[in-house]
């Protein structure tokens, strides 16, 4: 998630102060990606430094509000127009974990897959329950985020099924593979026994 762009998108609604931006961000995403308030203020400082936002008059309680500049509006438009690529996303820890597990001697990779399957299934059940809650909990924005999380969990379960099948196939191939002969003397001995 690009926090700077997220804050710019919120400021498109009008001037806001740090705590307000944090609350609006968490409301829109259903608190799926909670923001630390320090992170919000350090991001606001960078956005101001880069000329994408500017300070406005403080509100009645003395809180500093910020508004988009023309450059901020332009940057936000470019962000919305550009697709998110796989290079823009963080590494997938689960894919890395299973790739390394499959090459680690003595590790029960099936158990690693099963542990993840149980956790992912619980997450999917929790997300499905949230989706079925009555009322407008977070509006359209939250509904879209929730759908993304549910579909991602479903895809992860399908991928785990695929991993399990690939592991079983590899284990079966390993069991049926003939033994490897190490040296010429052993090869000759094997050939003599075959005659």
N, C-alpha and C. Protein backbone atom coordinates (compact mmCIF):
# COMPACT_ATOMS: atom_id res chain seq x y z
N UNK A 1 0.84 -1.19 0.00
CA UNK A 1 0.00 0.00 0.00
C UNK A 1 0.87 1.23 0.00
N UNK A 2 0.58 2.16 -0.87
CA UNK A 2 1.28 3.43 -0.92
C UNK A 2 0.59 4.40 0.02
N UNK A 3 1.16 4.57 1.19
CA UNK A 3 0.57 5.47 2.19
C UNK A 3 0.53 6.91 1.67
N UNK A 4 1.61 7.41 1.04
CA UNK A 4 1.52 8.78 0.53
C UNK A 4 0.34 8.97 -0.43
N UNK A 5 0.16 8.02 -1.36
CA UNK A 5 -0.95 8.15 -2.30
C UNK A 5 -2.30 8.01 -1.61
N UNK A 6 -2.36 7.14 -0.60
CA UNK A 6 -3.59 7.00 0.16
C UNK A 6 -3.98 8.31 0.84
N UNK A 7 -2.99 8.99 1.41
CA UNK A 7 -3.27 10.27 2.07
C UNK A 7 -3.66 11.34 1.05
N UNK A 8 -2.99 11.32 -0.10
CA UNK A 8 -3.36 12.27 -1.15
C UNK A 8 -4.81 12.05 -1.58
N UNK A 9 -5.21 10.79 -1.71
CA UNK A 9 -6.58 10.49 -2.12
C UNK A 9 -7.58 11.00 -1.10
N UNK A 10 -7.26 10.86 0.17
CA UNK A 10 -8.16 11.36 1.21
C UNK A 10 -8.23 12.88 1.20
N UNK A 11 -7.10 13.52 0.95
CA UNK A 11 -7.07 14.98 0.91
C UNK A 11 -7.82 15.54 -0.30
N UNK A 12 -8.09 14.71 -1.27
CA UNK A 12 -8.88 15.13 -2.43
C UNK A 12 -10.29 15.53 -1.99
N UNK A 13 -10.74 15.01 -0.83
CA UNK A 13 -12.06 15.36 -0.29
C UNK A 13 -12.06 16.75 0.35
N UNK A 14 -10.88 17.24 0.69
CA UNK A 14 -10.76 18.55 1.32
C UNK A 14 -9.70 18.52 2.41
N UNK A 15 -9.34 19.69 2.97
CA UNK A 15 -8.30 19.75 3.98
C UNK A 15 -8.62 18.90 5.22
N UNK A 16 -7.59 18.23 5.75
CA UNK A 16 -7.72 17.40 6.95
C UNK A 16 -6.43 17.48 7.75
N UNK A 17 -6.53 17.10 9.01
CA UNK A 17 -5.34 17.02 9.88
C UNK A 17 -4.97 15.55 10.06
N UNK A 18 -3.83 15.29 10.66
CA UNK A 18 -3.26 13.95 10.76
C UNK A 18 -4.16 12.88 11.34
N UNK A 19 -4.73 13.13 12.52
CA UNK A 19 -5.58 12.12 13.15
C UNK A 19 -6.84 11.86 12.31
N UNK A 20 -7.32 12.90 11.68
CA UNK A 20 -8.49 12.77 10.83
C UNK A 20 -8.16 11.89 9.61
N UNK A 21 -6.99 12.11 9.02
CA UNK A 21 -6.56 11.30 7.88
C UNK A 21 -6.42 9.83 8.28
N UNK A 22 -5.83 9.60 9.44
CA UNK A 22 -5.68 8.22 9.92
C UNK A 22 -7.04 7.56 10.10
N UNK A 23 -7.97 8.27 10.73
CA UNK A 23 -9.31 7.71 10.96
C UNK A 23 -10.03 7.44 9.65
N UNK A 24 -9.93 8.35 8.69
CA UNK A 24 -10.59 8.17 7.40
C UNK A 24 -9.97 7.01 6.62
N UNK A 25 -8.65 6.88 6.69
CA UNK A 25 -7.97 5.77 6.01
C UNK A 25 -8.43 4.43 6.59
N UNK A 26 -8.45 4.34 7.91
CA UNK A 26 -8.84 3.09 8.55
C UNK A 26 -10.32 2.78 8.32
N UNK A 27 -11.15 3.82 8.26
CA UNK A 27 -12.57 3.59 7.97
C UNK A 27 -12.74 3.04 6.56
N UNK A 28 -12.04 3.65 5.60
CA UNK A 28 -12.17 3.23 4.20
C UNK A 28 -11.67 1.81 3.98
N UNK A 29 -10.67 1.39 4.74
CA UNK A 29 -10.09 0.06 4.54
C UNK A 29 -10.54 -0.93 5.61
N UNK A 30 -11.48 -0.54 6.45
CA UNK A 30 -11.96 -1.43 7.49
C UNK A 30 -10.88 -1.80 8.49
N UNK A 31 -9.93 -0.93 8.70
CA UNK A 31 -8.79 -1.13 9.61
C UNK A 31 -7.95 -2.34 9.22
N UNK A 32 -8.02 -2.71 7.94
CA UNK A 32 -7.23 -3.83 7.46
C UNK A 32 -5.75 -3.50 7.48
N UNK A 33 -5.41 -2.28 7.17
CA UNK A 33 -4.03 -1.82 7.19
C UNK A 33 -3.94 -0.63 8.15
N UNK A 34 -3.88 -0.90 9.45
CA UNK A 34 -3.86 0.22 10.41
C UNK A 34 -2.60 1.07 10.23
N UNK A 35 -2.78 2.35 10.40
CA UNK A 35 -1.66 3.30 10.28
C UNK A 35 -1.24 3.79 11.65
N UNK A 36 0.04 3.85 11.86
CA UNK A 36 0.60 4.47 13.05
C UNK A 36 0.54 5.97 12.84
N UNK A 37 0.13 6.71 13.85
CA UNK A 37 -0.02 8.16 13.68
C UNK A 37 1.31 8.83 13.36
N UNK A 38 2.39 8.28 13.90
CA UNK A 38 3.72 8.81 13.56
C UNK A 38 4.02 8.66 12.08
N UNK A 39 3.57 7.55 11.52
CA UNK A 39 3.73 7.28 10.09
C UNK A 39 2.94 8.30 9.27
N UNK A 40 1.77 8.64 9.74
CA UNK A 40 0.94 9.62 9.04
C UNK A 40 1.65 10.97 9.03
N UNK A 41 2.13 11.42 10.20
CA UNK A 41 2.76 12.74 10.26
C UNK A 41 4.08 12.79 9.53
N UNK A 42 4.86 11.71 9.56
CA UNK A 42 6.12 11.73 8.79
C UNK A 42 5.84 11.74 7.30
N UNK A 43 4.77 11.07 6.88
CA UNK A 43 4.38 11.09 5.46
C UNK A 43 3.89 12.47 5.06
N UNK A 44 3.12 13.11 5.93
CA UNK A 44 2.66 14.48 5.64
C UNK A 44 3.86 15.43 5.48
N UNK A 45 4.86 15.26 6.32
CA UNK A 45 6.06 16.10 6.22
C UNK A 45 6.74 15.92 4.86
N UNK A 46 6.86 14.66 4.41
CA UNK A 46 7.49 14.41 3.11
C UNK A 46 6.63 14.95 1.96
N UNK A 47 5.32 14.78 2.06
CA UNK A 47 4.43 15.30 1.02
C UNK A 47 4.51 16.82 0.92
N UNK A 48 4.61 17.47 2.08
CA UNK A 48 4.76 18.93 2.07
C UNK A 48 6.11 19.33 1.48
N UNK A 49 7.16 18.62 1.88
CA UNK A 49 8.50 18.89 1.36
C UNK A 49 8.53 18.76 -0.17
N UNK A 50 7.80 17.76 -0.70
CA UNK A 50 7.80 17.51 -2.13
C UNK A 50 6.81 18.39 -2.89
N UNK A 51 6.11 19.29 -2.18
CA UNK A 51 5.20 20.23 -2.82
C UNK A 51 3.88 19.62 -3.24
N UNK A 52 3.51 18.47 -2.66
CA UNK A 52 2.26 17.81 -3.04
C UNK A 52 1.09 18.22 -2.15
N UNK A 53 1.39 18.72 -0.97
CA UNK A 53 0.38 19.27 -0.07
C UNK A 53 0.92 20.57 0.52
N UNK A 54 0.01 21.34 1.11
CA UNK A 54 0.44 22.57 1.78
C UNK A 54 -0.39 22.76 3.03
N UNK A 55 0.22 23.36 4.05
CA UNK A 55 -0.53 23.59 5.29
C UNK A 55 -1.62 24.64 5.06
N UNK A 56 -2.71 24.46 5.77
CA UNK A 56 -3.83 25.39 5.74
C UNK A 56 -3.96 26.02 7.12
N UNK A 57 -4.93 26.88 7.26
CA UNK A 57 -5.19 27.47 8.58
C UNK A 57 -5.55 26.35 9.56
N UNK A 58 -5.14 26.51 10.80
CA UNK A 58 -5.49 25.51 11.82
C UNK A 58 -6.98 25.59 12.10
N UNK A 59 -7.52 24.48 12.60
CA UNK A 59 -8.94 24.49 12.92
C UNK A 59 -9.16 25.14 14.29
N UNK A 60 -10.39 25.13 14.78
CA UNK A 60 -10.74 25.79 16.04
C UNK A 60 -10.00 25.21 17.24
N UNK A 61 -9.53 23.97 17.11
CA UNK A 61 -8.81 23.33 18.21
C UNK A 61 -7.29 23.38 18.03
N UNK A 62 -6.85 24.15 17.03
CA UNK A 62 -5.42 24.34 16.82
C UNK A 62 -4.73 23.23 16.05
N UNK A 63 -5.48 22.38 15.40
CA UNK A 63 -4.89 21.27 14.64
C UNK A 63 -4.53 21.74 13.23
N UNK A 64 -3.32 21.38 12.81
CA UNK A 64 -2.83 21.77 11.49
C UNK A 64 -3.50 20.92 10.41
N UNK A 65 -4.16 21.59 9.49
CA UNK A 65 -4.81 20.90 8.39
C UNK A 65 -3.94 21.05 7.15
N UNK A 66 -4.10 20.09 6.23
CA UNK A 66 -3.32 20.10 4.99
C UNK A 66 -4.27 19.97 3.81
N UNK A 67 -3.87 20.54 2.67
CA UNK A 67 -4.66 20.47 1.44
C UNK A 67 -3.73 20.09 0.29
N UNK A 68 -4.32 19.51 -0.74
CA UNK A 68 -3.56 19.17 -1.95
C UNK A 68 -3.14 20.42 -2.69
N UNK A 69 -1.99 20.35 -3.31
CA UNK A 69 -1.55 21.39 -4.25
C UNK A 69 -1.90 20.88 -5.65
N UNK A 70 -1.67 21.71 -6.65
CA UNK A 70 -1.90 21.28 -8.04
C UNK A 70 -1.00 20.09 -8.37
N UNK A 71 0.24 20.12 -7.86
CA UNK A 71 1.16 19.00 -8.10
C UNK A 71 0.65 17.73 -7.41
N UNK A 72 0.03 17.88 -6.25
CA UNK A 72 -0.54 16.73 -5.54
C UNK A 72 -1.70 16.13 -6.30
N UNK A 73 -2.55 16.98 -6.87
CA UNK A 73 -3.68 16.50 -7.67
C UNK A 73 -3.16 15.74 -8.89
N UNK A 74 -2.12 16.28 -9.53
CA UNK A 74 -1.53 15.64 -10.70
C UNK A 74 -0.91 14.29 -10.34
N UNK A 75 -0.16 14.25 -9.25
CA UNK A 75 0.48 13.01 -8.80
C UNK A 75 -0.56 11.95 -8.47
N UNK A 76 -1.63 12.36 -7.81
CA UNK A 76 -2.71 11.44 -7.47
C UNK A 76 -3.37 10.88 -8.74
N UNK A 77 -3.61 11.75 -9.72
CA UNK A 77 -4.19 11.31 -10.99
C UNK A 77 -3.30 10.29 -11.70
N UNK A 78 -2.00 10.54 -11.69
CA UNK A 78 -1.05 9.60 -12.30
C UNK A 78 -1.08 8.25 -11.58
N UNK A 79 -1.17 8.28 -10.24
CA UNK A 79 -1.20 7.03 -9.46
C UNK A 79 -2.45 6.22 -9.80
N UNK A 80 -3.60 6.89 -9.87
CA UNK A 80 -4.84 6.18 -10.19
C UNK A 80 -4.82 5.64 -11.63
N UNK A 81 -4.14 6.32 -12.54
CA UNK A 81 -4.11 5.91 -13.95
C UNK A 81 -3.14 4.76 -14.21
N UNK A 82 -2.18 4.55 -13.31
CA UNK A 82 -1.13 3.54 -13.53
C UNK A 82 -1.53 2.23 -12.86
N UNK A 83 -1.44 1.10 -13.59
CA UNK A 83 -1.77 -0.18 -12.96
C UNK A 83 -0.71 -0.57 -11.92
N UNK A 84 -1.14 -1.36 -10.95
CA UNK A 84 -0.20 -1.88 -9.95
C UNK A 84 0.45 -3.12 -10.55
N UNK A 85 1.77 -3.15 -10.55
CA UNK A 85 2.50 -4.30 -11.10
C UNK A 85 2.96 -5.20 -9.96
N UNK A 86 3.36 -6.40 -10.33
CA UNK A 86 3.86 -7.32 -9.31
C UNK A 86 5.13 -6.78 -8.67
N UNK A 87 5.91 -6.00 -9.40
CA UNK A 87 7.14 -5.43 -8.83
C UNK A 87 6.81 -4.40 -7.74
N UNK A 88 5.58 -3.84 -7.79
CA UNK A 88 5.18 -2.84 -6.79
C UNK A 88 4.74 -3.49 -5.48
N UNK A 89 4.51 -4.79 -5.50
CA UNK A 89 3.98 -5.47 -4.32
C UNK A 89 5.12 -6.07 -3.50
N UNK A 90 4.94 -6.15 -2.20
CA UNK A 90 5.99 -6.75 -1.38
C UNK A 90 6.13 -8.23 -1.68
N UNK A 91 7.26 -8.80 -1.26
CA UNK A 91 7.47 -10.24 -1.45
C UNK A 91 6.40 -11.03 -0.73
N UNK A 92 6.05 -12.16 -1.30
CA UNK A 92 5.04 -13.02 -0.70
C UNK A 92 5.75 -14.01 0.23
N UNK A 93 5.62 -13.78 1.52
CA UNK A 93 6.33 -14.61 2.50
C UNK A 93 5.91 -16.07 2.42
N UNK A 94 4.64 -16.34 2.16
CA UNK A 94 4.18 -17.72 2.09
C UNK A 94 4.83 -18.46 0.93
N UNK A 95 4.89 -17.83 -0.25
CA UNK A 95 5.52 -18.47 -1.41
C UNK A 95 6.99 -18.75 -1.12
N UNK A 96 7.67 -17.80 -0.51
CA UNK A 96 9.09 -17.99 -0.17
C UNK A 96 9.24 -19.11 0.85
N UNK A 97 8.37 -19.11 1.86
CA UNK A 97 8.43 -20.13 2.92
C UNK A 97 8.27 -21.53 2.35
N UNK A 98 7.26 -21.73 1.48
CA UNK A 98 7.04 -23.06 0.92
C UNK A 98 8.12 -23.46 -0.06
N UNK A 99 8.64 -22.50 -0.82
CA UNK A 99 9.74 -22.82 -1.73
C UNK A 99 10.95 -23.30 -0.94
N UNK A 100 11.27 -22.62 0.14
CA UNK A 100 12.41 -23.02 0.97
C UNK A 100 12.12 -24.31 1.73
N UNK A 101 10.89 -24.48 2.19
CA UNK A 101 10.53 -25.70 2.91
C UNK A 101 10.69 -26.91 2.02
N UNK A 102 10.36 -26.77 0.74
CA UNK A 102 10.44 -27.92 -0.18
C UNK A 102 11.87 -28.35 -0.44
N UNK A 103 12.84 -27.51 -0.10
CA UNK A 103 14.24 -27.87 -0.31
C UNK A 103 15.00 -28.11 0.99
N UNK A 104 14.31 -28.05 2.12
CA UNK A 104 14.95 -28.23 3.42
C UNK A 104 14.90 -29.70 3.82
N UNK A 105 16.06 -30.34 3.96
CA UNK A 105 16.09 -31.77 4.30
C UNK A 105 15.45 -32.02 5.67
N UNK A 106 14.69 -33.12 5.74
CA UNK A 106 14.11 -33.55 7.01
C UNK A 106 12.90 -32.78 7.46
N UNK A 107 12.40 -31.87 6.67
CA UNK A 107 11.25 -31.07 7.06
C UNK A 107 9.98 -31.69 6.47
N UNK A 108 8.93 -31.77 7.27
CA UNK A 108 7.64 -32.27 6.80
C UNK A 108 6.90 -31.12 6.12
N UNK A 109 7.11 -31.00 4.83
CA UNK A 109 6.54 -29.89 4.07
C UNK A 109 5.02 -30.00 4.04
N UNK A 110 4.50 -31.22 4.02
CA UNK A 110 3.05 -31.41 4.05
C UNK A 110 2.45 -30.77 5.31
N UNK A 111 3.15 -30.89 6.43
CA UNK A 111 2.67 -30.29 7.68
C UNK A 111 2.66 -28.76 7.59
N UNK A 112 3.68 -28.21 6.93
CA UNK A 112 3.74 -26.75 6.75
C UNK A 112 2.54 -26.30 5.90
N UNK A 113 2.26 -27.04 4.83
CA UNK A 113 1.12 -26.70 3.97
C UNK A 113 -0.19 -26.82 4.75
N UNK A 114 -0.33 -27.89 5.52
CA UNK A 114 -1.56 -28.11 6.27
C UNK A 114 -1.78 -27.03 7.33
N UNK A 115 -0.72 -26.63 8.01
CA UNK A 115 -0.83 -25.57 9.02
C UNK A 115 -1.31 -24.27 8.37
N UNK A 116 -0.77 -23.97 7.19
CA UNK A 116 -1.19 -22.76 6.48
C UNK A 116 -2.63 -22.89 6.00
N UNK A 117 -3.00 -24.08 5.53
CA UNK A 117 -4.36 -24.29 5.04
C UNK A 117 -5.37 -24.01 6.16
N UNK A 118 -5.11 -24.52 7.35
CA UNK A 118 -6.02 -24.31 8.49
C UNK A 118 -6.14 -22.82 8.80
N UNK A 119 -5.00 -22.12 8.83
CA UNK A 119 -5.02 -20.68 9.13
C UNK A 119 -5.76 -19.90 8.05
N UNK A 120 -5.53 -20.25 6.79
CA UNK A 120 -6.19 -19.54 5.69
C UNK A 120 -7.69 -19.82 5.69
N UNK A 121 -8.07 -21.05 5.99
CA UNK A 121 -9.50 -21.39 6.06
C UNK A 121 -10.19 -20.60 7.17
N UNK A 122 -9.53 -20.48 8.32
CA UNK A 122 -10.11 -19.67 9.42
C UNK A 122 -10.28 -18.22 8.98
N UNK A 123 -9.25 -17.70 8.31
CA UNK A 123 -9.31 -16.30 7.84
C UNK A 123 -10.47 -16.13 6.86
N UNK A 124 -10.63 -17.08 5.95
CA UNK A 124 -11.72 -17.00 4.98
C UNK A 124 -13.07 -17.05 5.69
N UNK A 125 -13.20 -17.90 6.69
CA UNK A 125 -14.45 -17.97 7.44
C UNK A 125 -14.74 -16.66 8.16
N UNK A 126 -13.71 -16.07 8.77
CA UNK A 126 -13.88 -14.78 9.46
C UNK A 126 -14.30 -13.69 8.47
N UNK A 127 -13.66 -13.66 7.31
CA UNK A 127 -13.98 -12.66 6.31
C UNK A 127 -15.39 -12.85 5.77
N UNK A 128 -15.80 -14.10 5.60
CA UNK A 128 -17.15 -14.39 5.12
C UNK A 128 -18.19 -13.94 6.14
N UNK A 129 -17.89 -14.15 7.43
CA UNK A 129 -18.81 -13.68 8.48
C UNK A 129 -18.93 -12.16 8.44
N UNK A 130 -17.81 -11.48 8.25
CA UNK A 130 -17.84 -10.01 8.16
C UNK A 130 -18.70 -9.56 6.99
N UNK A 131 -18.58 -10.25 5.87
CA UNK A 131 -19.33 -9.88 4.67
C UNK A 131 -20.83 -10.05 4.89
N UNK A 132 -21.21 -10.99 5.75
CA UNK A 132 -22.62 -11.27 5.99
C UNK A 132 -23.24 -10.41 7.08
N UNK A 133 -22.42 -9.58 7.76
CA UNK A 133 -22.97 -8.72 8.81
C UNK A 133 -23.95 -7.72 8.21
N UNK A 134 -25.04 -7.50 8.89
CA UNK A 134 -26.04 -6.56 8.36
C UNK A 134 -25.57 -5.11 8.49
N UNK A 135 -26.12 -4.29 7.66
CA UNK A 135 -25.85 -2.86 7.76
C UNK A 135 -24.64 -2.45 6.95
N UNK A 136 -24.44 -1.16 6.91
CA UNK A 136 -23.35 -0.57 6.14
C UNK A 136 -22.19 -0.30 7.09
N UNK A 137 -21.41 -1.34 7.39
CA UNK A 137 -20.31 -1.21 8.34
C UNK A 137 -19.27 -0.22 7.87
N UNK A 138 -18.82 -0.36 6.64
CA UNK A 138 -17.78 0.53 6.15
C UNK A 138 -18.07 1.10 4.78
N UNK A 139 -19.24 0.84 4.28
CA UNK A 139 -19.61 1.37 2.98
C UNK A 139 -18.97 0.60 1.84
N UNK A 140 -19.05 1.18 0.66
CA UNK A 140 -18.54 0.54 -0.55
C UNK A 140 -17.04 0.29 -0.46
N UNK A 141 -16.28 1.26 0.05
CA UNK A 141 -14.82 1.09 0.13
C UNK A 141 -14.46 -0.15 0.93
N UNK A 142 -15.06 -0.31 2.10
CA UNK A 142 -14.77 -1.47 2.95
C UNK A 142 -15.23 -2.75 2.27
N UNK A 143 -16.39 -2.71 1.61
CA UNK A 143 -16.90 -3.88 0.92
C UNK A 143 -15.93 -4.35 -0.17
N UNK A 144 -15.36 -3.41 -0.91
CA UNK A 144 -14.39 -3.77 -1.96
C UNK A 144 -13.12 -4.38 -1.35
N UNK A 145 -12.63 -3.79 -0.26
CA UNK A 145 -11.45 -4.34 0.41
C UNK A 145 -11.75 -5.73 0.94
N UNK A 146 -12.90 -5.89 1.56
CA UNK A 146 -13.29 -7.19 2.12
C UNK A 146 -13.39 -8.26 1.02
N UNK A 147 -13.98 -7.89 -0.11
CA UNK A 147 -14.06 -8.84 -1.23
C UNK A 147 -12.66 -9.23 -1.71
N UNK A 148 -11.78 -8.27 -1.81
CA UNK A 148 -10.39 -8.57 -2.22
C UNK A 148 -9.74 -9.56 -1.25
N UNK A 149 -9.92 -9.32 0.04
CA UNK A 149 -9.32 -10.21 1.03
C UNK A 149 -9.92 -11.62 0.95
N UNK A 150 -11.22 -11.70 0.76
CA UNK A 150 -11.88 -13.02 0.63
C UNK A 150 -11.39 -13.75 -0.62
N UNK A 151 -11.36 -13.05 -1.76
CA UNK A 151 -10.93 -13.70 -3.00
C UNK A 151 -9.46 -14.12 -2.91
N UNK A 152 -8.64 -13.32 -2.24
CA UNK A 152 -7.23 -13.67 -2.05
C UNK A 152 -7.09 -14.92 -1.19
N UNK A 153 -7.90 -15.03 -0.15
CA UNK A 153 -7.87 -16.22 0.71
C UNK A 153 -8.32 -17.45 -0.07
N UNK A 154 -9.35 -17.31 -0.89
CA UNK A 154 -9.81 -18.42 -1.72
C UNK A 154 -8.72 -18.86 -2.70
N UNK A 155 -8.06 -17.90 -3.31
CA UNK A 155 -6.97 -18.22 -4.24
C UNK A 155 -5.81 -18.89 -3.51
N UNK A 156 -5.52 -18.43 -2.30
CA UNK A 156 -4.45 -19.05 -1.52
C UNK A 156 -4.77 -20.51 -1.20
N UNK A 157 -6.02 -20.80 -0.88
CA UNK A 157 -6.42 -22.19 -0.63
C UNK A 157 -6.24 -23.05 -1.89
N UNK A 158 -6.61 -22.53 -3.04
CA UNK A 158 -6.42 -23.28 -4.30
C UNK A 158 -4.93 -23.51 -4.54
N UNK A 159 -4.10 -22.51 -4.28
CA UNK A 159 -2.66 -22.64 -4.49
C UNK A 159 -2.08 -23.67 -3.52
N UNK A 160 -2.55 -23.68 -2.27
CA UNK A 160 -2.07 -24.67 -1.30
C UNK A 160 -2.45 -26.08 -1.75
N UNK A 161 -3.65 -26.25 -2.33
CA UNK A 161 -4.03 -27.55 -2.88
C UNK A 161 -3.06 -27.95 -3.99
N UNK A 162 -2.73 -27.01 -4.85
CA UNK A 162 -1.77 -27.26 -5.92
C UNK A 162 -0.41 -27.67 -5.35
N UNK A 163 0.05 -26.94 -4.34
CA UNK A 163 1.35 -27.25 -3.71
C UNK A 163 1.34 -28.67 -3.15
N UNK A 164 0.27 -29.02 -2.48
CA UNK A 164 0.17 -30.35 -1.90
C UNK A 164 0.23 -31.42 -2.98
N UNK A 165 -0.47 -31.20 -4.08
CA UNK A 165 -0.44 -32.15 -5.19
C UNK A 165 0.96 -32.27 -5.79
N UNK A 166 1.63 -31.13 -5.95
CA UNK A 166 2.99 -31.14 -6.51
C UNK A 166 3.95 -31.87 -5.57
N UNK A 167 3.79 -31.68 -4.27
CA UNK A 167 4.65 -32.36 -3.30
C UNK A 167 4.42 -33.87 -3.32
N UNK A 168 3.16 -34.29 -3.42
CA UNK A 168 2.85 -35.73 -3.49
C UNK A 168 3.42 -36.34 -4.76
N UNK A 169 3.30 -35.63 -5.87
CA UNK A 169 3.83 -36.12 -7.14
C UNK A 169 5.35 -36.25 -7.08
N UNK A 170 6.01 -35.25 -6.49
CA UNK A 170 7.47 -35.29 -6.37
C UNK A 170 7.91 -36.43 -5.46
N UNK A 171 7.18 -36.65 -4.36
CA UNK A 171 7.52 -37.75 -3.44
C UNK A 171 7.33 -39.09 -4.12
N UNK A 172 6.29 -39.24 -4.92
CA UNK A 172 6.04 -40.49 -5.64
C UNK A 172 7.14 -40.75 -6.67
N UNK A 173 7.55 -39.72 -7.38
CA UNK A 173 8.62 -39.85 -8.37
C UNK A 173 9.93 -40.23 -7.69
N UNK A 174 10.17 -39.69 -6.52
CA UNK A 174 11.40 -39.99 -5.78
C UNK A 174 11.42 -41.46 -5.35
N UNK A 175 10.26 -41.99 -4.94
CA UNK A 175 10.19 -43.40 -4.49
C UNK A 175 10.41 -44.37 -5.64
N UNK A 176 10.00 -44.01 -6.85
CA UNK A 176 10.11 -44.92 -7.99
C UNK A 176 11.39 -44.73 -8.79
N UNK A 177 12.21 -43.79 -8.43
CA UNK A 177 13.46 -43.53 -9.13
C UNK A 177 14.47 -44.63 -8.78
N UNK A 178 15.19 -45.19 -9.80
CA UNK A 178 16.20 -46.20 -9.49
C UNK A 178 17.36 -45.59 -8.72
N UNK A 179 18.06 -46.39 -7.94
CA UNK A 179 19.16 -45.86 -7.15
C UNK A 179 20.27 -45.32 -8.06
N UNK A 180 20.95 -44.30 -7.61
CA UNK A 180 22.04 -43.68 -8.35
C UNK A 180 23.31 -44.45 -8.05
N UNK A 181 24.05 -44.83 -9.10
CA UNK A 181 25.31 -45.55 -8.93
C UNK A 181 26.41 -44.52 -8.85
N UNK A 182 27.25 -44.65 -7.82
CA UNK A 182 28.25 -43.64 -7.52
C UNK A 182 29.52 -43.74 -8.36
N UNK A 183 30.04 -44.95 -8.58
CA UNK A 183 31.33 -45.05 -9.27
C UNK A 183 31.32 -46.21 -10.27
N UNK A 184 32.39 -46.31 -11.05
CA UNK A 184 32.49 -47.33 -12.10
C UNK A 184 32.51 -48.74 -11.53
N UNK A 185 33.20 -48.95 -10.40
CA UNK A 185 33.28 -50.29 -9.81
C UNK A 185 31.89 -50.77 -9.41
N UNK A 186 31.11 -49.91 -8.81
CA UNK A 186 29.76 -50.28 -8.42
C UNK A 186 28.91 -50.54 -9.65
N UNK A 187 29.13 -49.77 -10.73
CA UNK A 187 28.41 -49.96 -11.97
C UNK A 187 28.71 -51.33 -12.56
N UNK A 188 30.00 -51.70 -12.59
CA UNK A 188 30.39 -53.00 -13.11
C UNK A 188 29.77 -54.12 -12.28
N UNK A 189 29.77 -53.95 -10.95
CA UNK A 189 29.19 -54.96 -10.07
C UNK A 189 27.70 -55.11 -10.35
N UNK A 190 27.01 -54.03 -10.57
CA UNK A 190 25.58 -54.05 -10.86
C UNK A 190 25.33 -54.73 -12.19
N UNK A 191 26.17 -54.44 -13.18
CA UNK A 191 26.02 -55.06 -14.50
C UNK A 191 26.27 -56.57 -14.42
N UNK A 192 27.26 -57.00 -13.62
CA UNK A 192 27.55 -58.41 -13.48
C UNK A 192 26.38 -59.14 -12.85
N UNK A 193 25.76 -58.52 -11.83
CA UNK A 193 24.61 -59.15 -11.18
C UNK A 193 23.42 -59.24 -12.13
N UNK A 194 23.32 -58.31 -13.04
CA UNK A 194 22.20 -58.29 -13.98
C UNK A 194 22.32 -59.42 -15.00
N UNK A 195 23.59 -59.91 -15.27
CA UNK A 195 23.80 -60.96 -16.27
C UNK A 195 23.40 -62.25 -15.75
